[in-house]
Amino acid sequence: MSQEVIIKFIQRYIYGGILLLEKHYASFIFELMLIAYVFLFDELDKQLQAHLIEKEAHWLRLYFNLQENSLVLLIRRDDLQMEEIKI
């Protein structure tokens, strides 16, 4: 999707609170969620996360699946600089 489409979508949300996600691909919604996160649109970010989890779970599993051994290696690292509870 073009930047123009994303900007129009965000404008519609800011000025009217309108989220019409049904006609958009999961990849567009994911990209939009990342932009919302970067620009601190917390409410939009949460709504997009919820939509992806509830309606696009198959897409999330397809593109964001970690093998068990990769996850274990990641958790065992000492240099993550994160609190243990967040991991």
PDB file of N, CA and C in Angstrom:
ATOM      1  N   MET A   1       0.838  -1.190   0.000  1.00  0.00           N
ATOM      2  CA  MET A   1       0.000   0.000   0.000  1.00  0.00           C
ATOM      3  C   MET A   1       0.878   1.247   0.000  1.00  0.00           C
ATOM      4  N   SER A   2       0.358   2.255  -0.599  1.00  0.00           N
ATOM      5  CA  SER A   2       1.123   3.496  -0.687  1.00  0.00           C
ATOM      6  C   SER A   2       1.015   4.299   0.601  1.00  0.00           C
ATOM      7  N   GLN A   3       1.955   5.202   0.760  1.00  0.00           N
ATOM      8  CA  GLN A   3       1.938   6.076   1.936  1.00  0.00           C
ATOM      9  C   GLN A   3       0.683   6.938   1.942  1.00  0.00           C
ATOM     10  N   GLU A   4       0.219   7.306   0.768  1.00  0.00           N
ATOM     11  CA  GLU A   4      -0.980   8.142   0.670  1.00  0.00           C
ATOM     12  C   GLU A   4      -2.199   7.421   1.252  1.00  0.00           C
ATOM     13  N   VAL A   5      -2.334   6.141   0.974  1.00  0.00           N
ATOM     14  CA  VAL A   5      -3.452   5.357   1.506  1.00  0.00           C
ATOM     15  C   VAL A   5      -3.356   5.283   3.024  1.00  0.00           C
ATOM     16  N   ILE A   6      -2.159   5.081   3.538  1.00  0.00           N
ATOM     17  CA  ILE A   6      -1.961   5.005   4.987  1.00  0.00           C
ATOM     18  C   ILE A   6      -2.294   6.337   5.644  1.00  0.00           C
ATOM     19  N   ILE A   7      -1.834   7.428   5.060  1.00  0.00           N
ATOM     20  CA  ILE A   7      -2.114   8.757   5.620  1.00  0.00           C
ATOM     21  C   ILE A   7      -3.613   9.029   5.626  1.00  0.00           C
ATOM     22  N   LYS A   8      -4.307   8.694   4.549  1.00  0.00           N
ATOM     23  CA  LYS A   8      -5.760   8.898   4.492  1.00  0.00           C
ATOM     24  C   LYS A   8      -6.473   8.056   5.543  1.00  0.00           C
ATOM     25  N   PHE A   9      -6.013   6.834   5.736  1.00  0.00           N
ATOM     26  CA  PHE A   9      -6.607   5.956   6.734  1.00  0.00           C
ATOM     27  C   PHE A   9      -6.458   6.554   8.129  1.00  0.00           C
ATOM     28  N   ILE A  10      -5.250   7.025   8.444  1.00  0.00           N
ATOM     29  CA  ILE A  10      -4.996   7.615   9.763  1.00  0.00           C
ATOM     30  C   ILE A  10      -5.793   8.904   9.940  1.00  0.00           C
ATOM     31  N   GLN A  11      -5.900   9.710   8.900  1.00  0.00           N
ATOM     32  CA  GLN A  11      -6.704  10.940   8.980  1.00  0.00           C
ATOM     33  C   GLN A  11      -8.161  10.611   9.274  1.00  0.00           C
ATOM     34  N   ARG A  12      -8.703   9.601   8.580  1.00  0.00           N
ATOM     35  CA  ARG A  12     -10.091   9.195   8.820  1.00  0.00           C
ATOM     36  C   ARG A  12     -10.278   8.754  10.267  1.00  0.00           C
ATOM     37  N   TYR A  13      -9.280   8.077  10.802  1.00  0.00           N
ATOM     38  CA  TYR A  13      -9.367   7.627  12.187  1.00  0.00           C
ATOM     39  C   TYR A  13      -9.283   8.807  13.157  1.00  0.00           C
ATOM     40  N   ILE A  14      -8.345   9.715  12.929  1.00  0.00           N
ATOM     41  CA  ILE A  14      -8.157  10.854  13.833  1.00  0.00           C
ATOM     42  C   ILE A  14      -9.386  11.756  13.848  1.00  0.00           C
ATOM     43  N   TYR A  15      -9.893  12.083  12.675  1.00  0.00           N
ATOM     44  CA  TYR A  15     -10.983  13.056  12.595  1.00  0.00           C
ATOM     45  C   TYR A  15     -12.367  12.450  12.756  1.00  0.00           C
ATOM     46  N   GLY A  16     -12.515  11.164  12.531  1.00  0.00           N
ATOM     47  CA  GLY A  16     -13.844  10.580  12.632  1.00  0.00           C
ATOM     48  C   GLY A  16     -13.930   9.328  13.469  1.00  0.00           C
ATOM     49  N   GLY A  17     -12.793   8.815  13.920  1.00  0.00           N
ATOM     50  CA  GLY A  17     -12.798   7.593  14.712  1.00  0.00           C
ATOM     51  C   GLY A  17     -13.222   6.373  13.910  1.00  0.00           C
ATOM     52  N   ILE A  18     -13.084   6.430  12.597  1.00  0.00           N
ATOM     53  CA  ILE A  18     -13.573   5.373  11.718  1.00  0.00           C
ATOM     54  C   ILE A  18     -12.449   4.388  11.394  1.00  0.00           C
ATOM     55  N   LEU A  19     -12.728   3.113  11.655  1.00  0.00           N
ATOM     56  CA  LEU A  19     -11.805   2.034  11.307  1.00  0.00           C
ATOM     57  C   LEU A  19     -12.540   1.043  10.412  1.00  0.00           C
ATOM     58  N   LEU A  20     -12.254   1.057   9.140  1.00  0.00           N
ATOM     59  CA  LEU A  20     -12.841   0.094   8.212  1.00  0.00           C
ATOM     60  C   LEU A  20     -11.731  -0.841   7.747  1.00  0.00           C
ATOM     61  N   LEU A  21     -11.593  -1.947   8.455  1.00  0.00           N
ATOM     62  CA  LEU A  21     -10.463  -2.841   8.213  1.00  0.00           C
ATOM     63  C   LEU A  21     -10.800  -4.031   7.323  1.00  0.00           C
ATOM     64  N   GLU A  22     -12.064  -4.305   7.115  1.00  0.00           N
ATOM     65  CA  GLU A  22     -12.476  -5.510   6.420  1.00  0.00           C
ATOM     66  C   GLU A  22     -11.950  -5.600   4.989  1.00  0.00           C
ATOM     67  N   LYS A  23     -11.767  -4.478   4.326  1.00  0.00           N
ATOM     68  CA  LYS A  23     -11.345  -4.489   2.925  1.00  0.00           C
ATOM     69  C   LYS A  23      -9.826  -4.469   2.756  1.00  0.00           C
ATOM     70  N   HIS A  24      -9.096  -4.487   3.857  1.00  0.00           N
ATOM     71  CA  HIS A  24      -7.638  -4.388   3.784  1.00  0.00           C
ATOM     72  C   HIS A  24      -6.986  -5.728   4.116  1.00  0.00           C
ATOM     73  N   TYR A  25      -5.850  -5.969   3.487  1.00  0.00           N
ATOM     74  CA  TYR A  25      -5.072  -7.172   3.758  1.00  0.00           C
ATOM     75  C   TYR A  25      -4.417  -7.071   5.134  1.00  0.00           C
ATOM     76  N   ALA A  26      -4.120  -8.229   5.702  1.00  0.00           N
ATOM     77  CA  ALA A  26      -3.466  -8.279   7.011  1.00  0.00           C
ATOM     78  C   ALA A  26      -2.117  -7.568   6.980  1.00  0.00           C
ATOM     79  N   SER A  27      -1.401  -7.663   5.883  1.00  0.00           N
ATOM     80  CA  SER A  27      -0.094  -7.008   5.790  1.00  0.00           C
ATOM     81  C   SER A  27      -0.224  -5.486   5.881  1.00  0.00           C
ATOM     82  N   PHE A  28      -1.288  -4.926   5.298  1.00  0.00           N
ATOM     83  CA  PHE A  28      -1.539  -3.490   5.398  1.00  0.00           C
ATOM     84  C   PHE A  28      -1.860  -3.113   6.840  1.00  0.00           C
ATOM     85  N   ILE A  29      -2.686  -3.899   7.486  1.00  0.00           N
ATOM     86  CA  ILE A  29      -3.072  -3.627   8.874  1.00  0.00           C
ATOM     87  C   ILE A  29      -1.852  -3.715   9.784  1.00  0.00           C
ATOM     88  N   PHE A  30      -0.983  -4.686   9.527  1.00  0.00           N
ATOM     89  CA  PHE A  30       0.239  -4.813  10.317  1.00  0.00           C
ATOM     90  C   PHE A  30       1.136  -3.596  10.128  1.00  0.00           C
ATOM     91  N   GLU A  31       1.314  -3.168   8.895  1.00  0.00           N
ATOM     92  CA  GLU A  31       2.128  -1.980   8.618  1.00  0.00           C
ATOM     93  C   GLU A  31       1.531  -0.747   9.293  1.00  0.00           C
ATOM     94  N   LEU A  32       0.231  -0.629   9.238  1.00  0.00           N
ATOM     95  CA  LEU A  32      -0.464   0.481   9.882  1.00  0.00           C
ATOM     96  C   LEU A  32      -0.277   0.436  11.397  1.00  0.00           C
ATOM     97  N   MET A  33      -0.307  -0.765  11.966  1.00  0.00           N
ATOM     98  CA  MET A  33      -0.101  -0.921  13.405  1.00  0.00           C
ATOM     99  C   MET A  33       1.301  -0.460  13.805  1.00  0.00           C
ATOM    100  N   LEU A  34       2.303  -0.790  13.001  1.00  0.00           N
ATOM    101  CA  LEU A  34       3.669  -0.350  13.295  1.00  0.00           C
ATOM    102  C   LEU A  34       3.778   1.171  13.254  1.00  0.00           C
ATOM    103  N   ILE A  35       3.125   1.786  12.296  1.00  0.00           N
ATOM    104  CA  ILE A  35       3.134   3.250  12.195  1.00  0.00           C
ATOM    105  C   ILE A  35       2.420   3.864  13.392  1.00  0.00           C
ATOM    106  N   ALA A  36       1.289   3.283  13.783  1.00  0.00           N
ATOM    107  CA  ALA A  36       0.548   3.777  14.947  1.00  0.00           C
ATOM    108  C   ALA A  36       1.405   3.675  16.204  1.00  0.00           C
ATOM    109  N   TYR A  37       2.161   2.602  16.329  1.00  0.00           N
ATOM    110  CA  TYR A  37       3.046   2.423  17.475  1.00  0.00           C
ATOM    111  C   TYR A  37       4.148   3.477  17.489  1.00  0.00           C
ATOM    112  N   VAL A  38       4.785   3.696  16.348  1.00  0.00           N
ATOM    113  CA  VAL A  38       5.888   4.659  16.250  1.00  0.00           C
ATOM    114  C   VAL A  38       5.423   6.070  16.579  1.00  0.00           C
ATOM    115  N   PHE A  39       4.226   6.439  16.104  1.00  0.00           N
ATOM    116  CA  PHE A  39       3.726   7.797  16.313  1.00  0.00           C
ATOM    117  C   PHE A  39       2.847   7.925  17.560  1.00  0.00           C
ATOM    118  N   LEU A  40       2.881   6.902  18.406  1.00  0.00           N
ATOM    119  CA  LEU A  40       2.211   6.909  19.712  1.00  0.00           C
ATOM    120  C   LEU A  40       0.695   7.078  19.627  1.00  0.00           C
ATOM    121  N   PHE A  41       0.083   6.493  18.600  1.00  0.00           N
ATOM    122  CA  PHE A  41      -1.377   6.426  18.526  1.00  0.00           C
ATOM    123  C   PHE A  41      -1.790   5.154  19.262  1.00  0.00           C
ATOM    124  N   ASP A  42      -1.749   5.212  20.593  1.00  0.00           N
ATOM    125  CA  ASP A  42      -1.930   4.019  21.413  1.00  0.00           C
ATOM    126  C   ASP A  42      -3.272   3.330  21.184  1.00  0.00           C
ATOM    127  N   GLU A  43      -4.349   4.098  21.137  1.00  0.00           N
ATOM    128  CA  GLU A  43      -5.674   3.505  20.959  1.00  0.00           C
ATOM    129  C   GLU A  43      -5.785   2.813  19.598  1.00  0.00           C
ATOM    130  N   LEU A  44      -5.298   3.458  18.562  1.00  0.00           N
ATOM    131  CA  LEU A  44      -5.310   2.855  17.227  1.00  0.00           C
ATOM    132  C   LEU A  44      -4.450   1.596  17.213  1.00  0.00           C
ATOM    133  N   ASP A  45      -3.292   1.656  17.821  1.00  0.00           N
ATOM    134  CA  ASP A  45      -2.397   0.506  17.900  1.00  0.00           C
ATOM    135  C   ASP A  45      -3.098  -0.673  18.570  1.00  0.00           C
ATOM    136  N   LYS A  46      -3.772  -0.434  19.679  1.00  0.00           N
ATOM    137  CA  LYS A  46      -4.478  -1.500  20.405  1.00  0.00           C
ATOM    138  C   LYS A  46      -5.601  -2.093  19.565  1.00  0.00           C
ATOM    139  N   GLN A  47      -6.347  -1.238  18.871  1.00  0.00           N
ATOM    140  CA  GLN A  47      -7.448  -1.730  18.042  1.00  0.00           C
ATOM    141  C   GLN A  47      -6.934  -2.567  16.873  1.00  0.00           C
ATOM    142  N   LEU A  48      -5.833  -2.138  16.286  1.00  0.00           N
ATOM    143  CA  LEU A  48      -5.255  -2.895  15.177  1.00  0.00           C
ATOM    144  C   LEU A  48      -4.692  -4.230  15.668  1.00  0.00           C
ATOM    145  N   GLN A  49      -4.068  -4.229  16.841  1.00  0.00           N
ATOM    146  CA  GLN A  49      -3.576  -5.477  17.426  1.00  0.00           C
ATOM    147  C   GLN A  49      -4.725  -6.445  17.656  1.00  0.00           C
ATOM    148  N   ALA A  50      -5.807  -5.930  18.245  1.00  0.00           N
ATOM    149  CA  ALA A  50      -6.973  -6.772  18.524  1.00  0.00           C
ATOM    150  C   ALA A  50      -7.543  -7.347  17.231  1.00  0.00           C
ATOM    151  N   HIS A  51      -7.632  -6.527  16.204  1.00  0.00           N
ATOM    152  CA  HIS A  51      -8.162  -7.000  14.922  1.00  0.00           C
ATOM    153  C   HIS A  51      -7.279  -8.109  14.352  1.00  0.00           C
ATOM    154  N   LEU A  52      -5.971  -7.906  14.376  1.00  0.00           N
ATOM    155  CA  LEU A  52      -5.067  -8.931  13.847  1.00  0.00           C
ATOM    156  C   LEU A  52      -5.194 -10.243  14.619  1.00  0.00           C
ATOM    157  N   ILE A  53      -5.302 -10.157  15.921  1.00  0.00           N
ATOM    158  CA  ILE A  53      -5.406 -11.365  16.743  1.00  0.00           C
ATOM    159  C   ILE A  53      -6.745 -12.061  16.525  1.00  0.00           C
ATOM    160  N   GLU A  54      -7.826 -11.290  16.482  1.00  0.00           N
ATOM    161  CA  GLU A  54      -9.164 -11.875  16.369  1.00  0.00           C
ATOM    162  C   GLU A  54      -9.515 -12.317  14.953  1.00  0.00           C
ATOM    163  N   LYS A  55      -9.122 -11.548  13.953  1.00  0.00           N
ATOM    164  CA  LYS A  55      -9.578 -11.809  12.581  1.00  0.00           C
ATOM    165  C   LYS A  55      -8.491 -12.347  11.658  1.00  0.00           C
ATOM    166  N   GLU A  56      -7.245 -12.136  11.993  1.00  0.00           N
ATOM    167  CA  GLU A  56      -6.147 -12.504  11.094  1.00  0.00           C
ATOM    168  C   GLU A  56      -5.134 -13.419  11.769  1.00  0.00           C
ATOM    169  N   ALA A  57      -5.595 -14.241  12.700  1.00  0.00           N
ATOM    170  CA  ALA A  57      -4.691 -15.120  13.443  1.00  0.00           C
ATOM    171  C   ALA A  57      -3.932 -16.064  12.511  1.00  0.00           C
ATOM    172  N   HIS A  58      -4.585 -16.533  11.456  1.00  0.00           N
ATOM    173  CA  HIS A  58      -3.917 -17.436  10.510  1.00  0.00           C
ATOM    174  C   HIS A  58      -2.726 -16.743   9.840  1.00  0.00           C
ATOM    175  N   TRP A  59      -2.876 -15.464   9.516  1.00  0.00           N
ATOM    176  CA  TRP A  59      -1.791 -14.703   8.890  1.00  0.00           C
ATOM    177  C   TRP A  59      -0.641 -14.516   9.881  1.00  0.00           C
ATOM    178  N   LEU A  60      -0.975 -14.219  11.129  1.00  0.00           N
ATOM    179  CA  LEU A  60       0.059 -14.058  12.156  1.00  0.00           C
ATOM    180  C   LEU A  60       0.855 -15.347  12.330  1.00  0.00           C
ATOM    181  N   ARG A  61       0.158 -16.481  12.393  1.00  0.00           N
ATOM    182  CA  ARG A  61       0.852 -17.765  12.549  1.00  0.00           C
ATOM    183  C   ARG A  61       1.725 -18.074  11.336  1.00  0.00           C
ATOM    184  N   LEU A  62       1.264 -17.691  10.168  1.00  0.00           N
ATOM    185  CA  LEU A  62       1.999 -17.964   8.938  1.00  0.00           C
ATOM    186  C   LEU A  62       3.318 -17.200   8.879  1.00  0.00           C
ATOM    187  N   TYR A  63       3.306 -15.949   9.311  1.00  0.00           N
ATOM    188  CA  TYR A  63       4.482 -15.095   9.166  1.00  0.00           C
ATOM    189  C   TYR A  63       5.293 -14.887  10.442  1.00  0.00           C
ATOM    190  N   PHE A  64       4.748 -15.232  11.583  1.00  0.00           N
ATOM    191  CA  PHE A  64       5.440 -14.961  12.849  1.00  0.00           C
ATOM    192  C   PHE A  64       5.465 -16.196  13.728  1.00  0.00           C
ATOM    193  N   ASN A  65       5.997 -17.265  13.200  1.00  0.00           N
ATOM    194  CA  ASN A  65       6.052 -18.517  13.924  1.00  0.00           C
ATOM    195  C   ASN A  65       7.509 -18.835  14.256  1.00  0.00           C
ATOM    196  N   LEU A  66       7.809 -18.968  15.533  1.00  0.00           N
ATOM    197  CA  LEU A  66       9.159 -19.343  15.967  1.00  0.00           C
ATOM    198  C   LEU A  66       9.190 -20.837  16.278  1.00  0.00           C
ATOM    199  N   GLN A  67      10.220 -21.490  15.835  1.00  0.00           N
ATOM    200  CA  GLN A  67      10.420 -22.881  16.211  1.00  0.00           C
ATOM    201  C   GLN A  67      10.785 -22.917  17.694  1.00  0.00           C
ATOM    202  N   GLU A  68      10.459 -24.004  18.357  1.00  0.00           N
ATOM    203  CA  GLU A  68      10.694 -24.106  19.796  1.00  0.00           C
ATOM    204  C   GLU A  68      12.163 -23.882  20.150  1.00  0.00           C
ATOM    205  N   ASN A  69      13.067 -24.486  19.392  1.00  0.00           N
ATOM    206  CA  ASN A  69      14.488 -24.337  19.731  1.00  0.00           C
ATOM    207  C   ASN A  69      14.965 -22.895  19.547  1.00  0.00           C
ATOM    208  N   SER A  70      14.423 -22.166  18.584  1.00  0.00           N
ATOM    209  CA  SER A  70      14.776 -20.751  18.407  1.00  0.00           C
ATOM    210  C   SER A  70      14.286 -19.924  19.585  1.00  0.00           C
ATOM    211  N   LEU A  71      13.098 -20.221  20.053  1.00  0.00           N
ATOM    212  CA  LEU A  71      12.539 -19.505  21.197  1.00  0.00           C
ATOM    213  C   LEU A  71      13.355 -19.773  22.456  1.00  0.00           C
ATOM    214  N   VAL A  72      13.751 -21.009  22.667  1.00  0.00           N
ATOM    215  CA  VAL A  72      14.565 -21.362  23.837  1.00  0.00           C
ATOM    216  C   VAL A  72      15.905 -20.634  23.785  1.00  0.00           C
ATOM    217  N   LEU A  73      16.541 -20.603  22.628  1.00  0.00           N
ATOM    218  CA  LEU A  73      17.814 -19.886  22.488  1.00  0.00           C
ATOM    219  C   LEU A  73      17.652 -18.399  22.778  1.00  0.00           C
ATOM    220  N   LEU A  74      16.578 -17.825  22.320  1.00  0.00           N
ATOM    221  CA  LEU A  74      16.315 -16.411  22.559  1.00  0.00           C
ATOM    222  C   LEU A  74      16.119 -16.127  24.045  1.00  0.00           C
ATOM    223  N   ILE A  75      15.370 -16.965  24.717  1.00  0.00           N
ATOM    224  CA  ILE A  75      15.094 -16.774  26.146  1.00  0.00           C
ATOM    225  C   ILE A  75      16.362 -16.949  26.984  1.00  0.00           C
ATOM    226  N   ARG A  76      17.243 -17.832  26.582  1.00  0.00           N
ATOM    227  CA  ARG A  76      18.471 -18.101  27.350  1.00  0.00           C
ATOM    228  C   ARG A  76      19.526 -17.006  27.230  1.00  0.00           C
ATOM    229  N   ARG A  77      19.379 -16.116  26.295  1.00  0.00           N
ATOM    230  CA  ARG A  77      20.395 -15.069  26.098  1.00  0.00           C
ATOM    231  C   ARG A  77      20.467 -14.145  27.315  1.00  0.00           C
ATOM    232  N   ASP A  78      21.679 -13.729  27.649  1.00  0.00           N
ATOM    233  CA  ASP A  78      21.890 -12.839  28.791  1.00  0.00           C
ATOM    234  C   ASP A  78      21.988 -11.378  28.380  1.00  0.00           C
ATOM    235  N   ASP A  79      22.030 -11.094  27.106  1.00  0.00           N
ATOM    236  CA  ASP A  79      22.250  -9.723  26.645  1.00  0.00           C
ATOM    237  C   ASP A  79      20.996  -9.053  26.072  1.00  0.00           C
ATOM    238  N   LEU A  80      19.824  -9.518  26.430  1.00  0.00           N
ATOM    239  CA  LEU A  80      18.592  -8.949  25.882  1.00  0.00           C
ATOM    240  C   LEU A  80      18.262  -7.574  26.450  1.00  0.00           C
ATOM    241  N   GLN A  81      18.770  -7.261  27.607  1.00  0.00           N
ATOM    242  CA  GLN A  81      18.521  -5.978  28.260  1.00  0.00           C
ATOM    243  C   GLN A  81      17.030  -5.731  28.475  1.00  0.00           C
ATOM    244  N   MET A  82      16.342  -6.769  28.871  1.00  0.00           N
ATOM    245  CA  MET A  82      14.919  -6.672  29.196  1.00  0.00           C
ATOM    246  C   MET A  82      14.707  -7.279  30.570  1.00  0.00           C
ATOM    247  N   GLU A  83      13.682  -6.796  31.246  1.00  0.00           N
ATOM    248  CA  GLU A  83      13.337  -7.405  32.515  1.00  0.00           C
ATOM    249  C   GLU A  83      12.835  -8.816  32.237  1.00  0.00           C
ATOM    250  N   GLU A  84      13.150  -9.709  33.134  1.00  0.00           N
ATOM    251  CA  GLU A  84      12.799 -11.105  32.933  1.00  0.00           C
ATOM    252  C   GLU A  84      11.296 -11.302  32.772  1.00  0.00           C
ATOM    253  N   ILE A  85      10.501 -10.529  33.460  1.00  0.00           N
ATOM    254  CA  ILE A  85       9.048 -10.673  33.393  1.00  0.00           C
ATOM    255  C   ILE A  85       8.519 -10.381  31.991  1.00  0.00           C
ATOM    256  N   LYS A  86       9.174  -9.485  31.237  1.00  0.00           N
ATOM    257  CA  LYS A  86       8.719  -9.145  29.890  1.00  0.00           C
ATOM    258  C   LYS A  86       8.998 -10.256  28.898  1.00  0.00           C
ATOM    259  N   ILE A  87       9.977 -11.068  29.177  1.00  0.00           N
ATOM    260  CA  ILE A  87      10.320 -12.174  28.287  1.00  0.00           C
ATOM    261  C   ILE A  87       9.292 -13.258  28.472  1.00  0.00           C
TER     262      ILE A  87
END
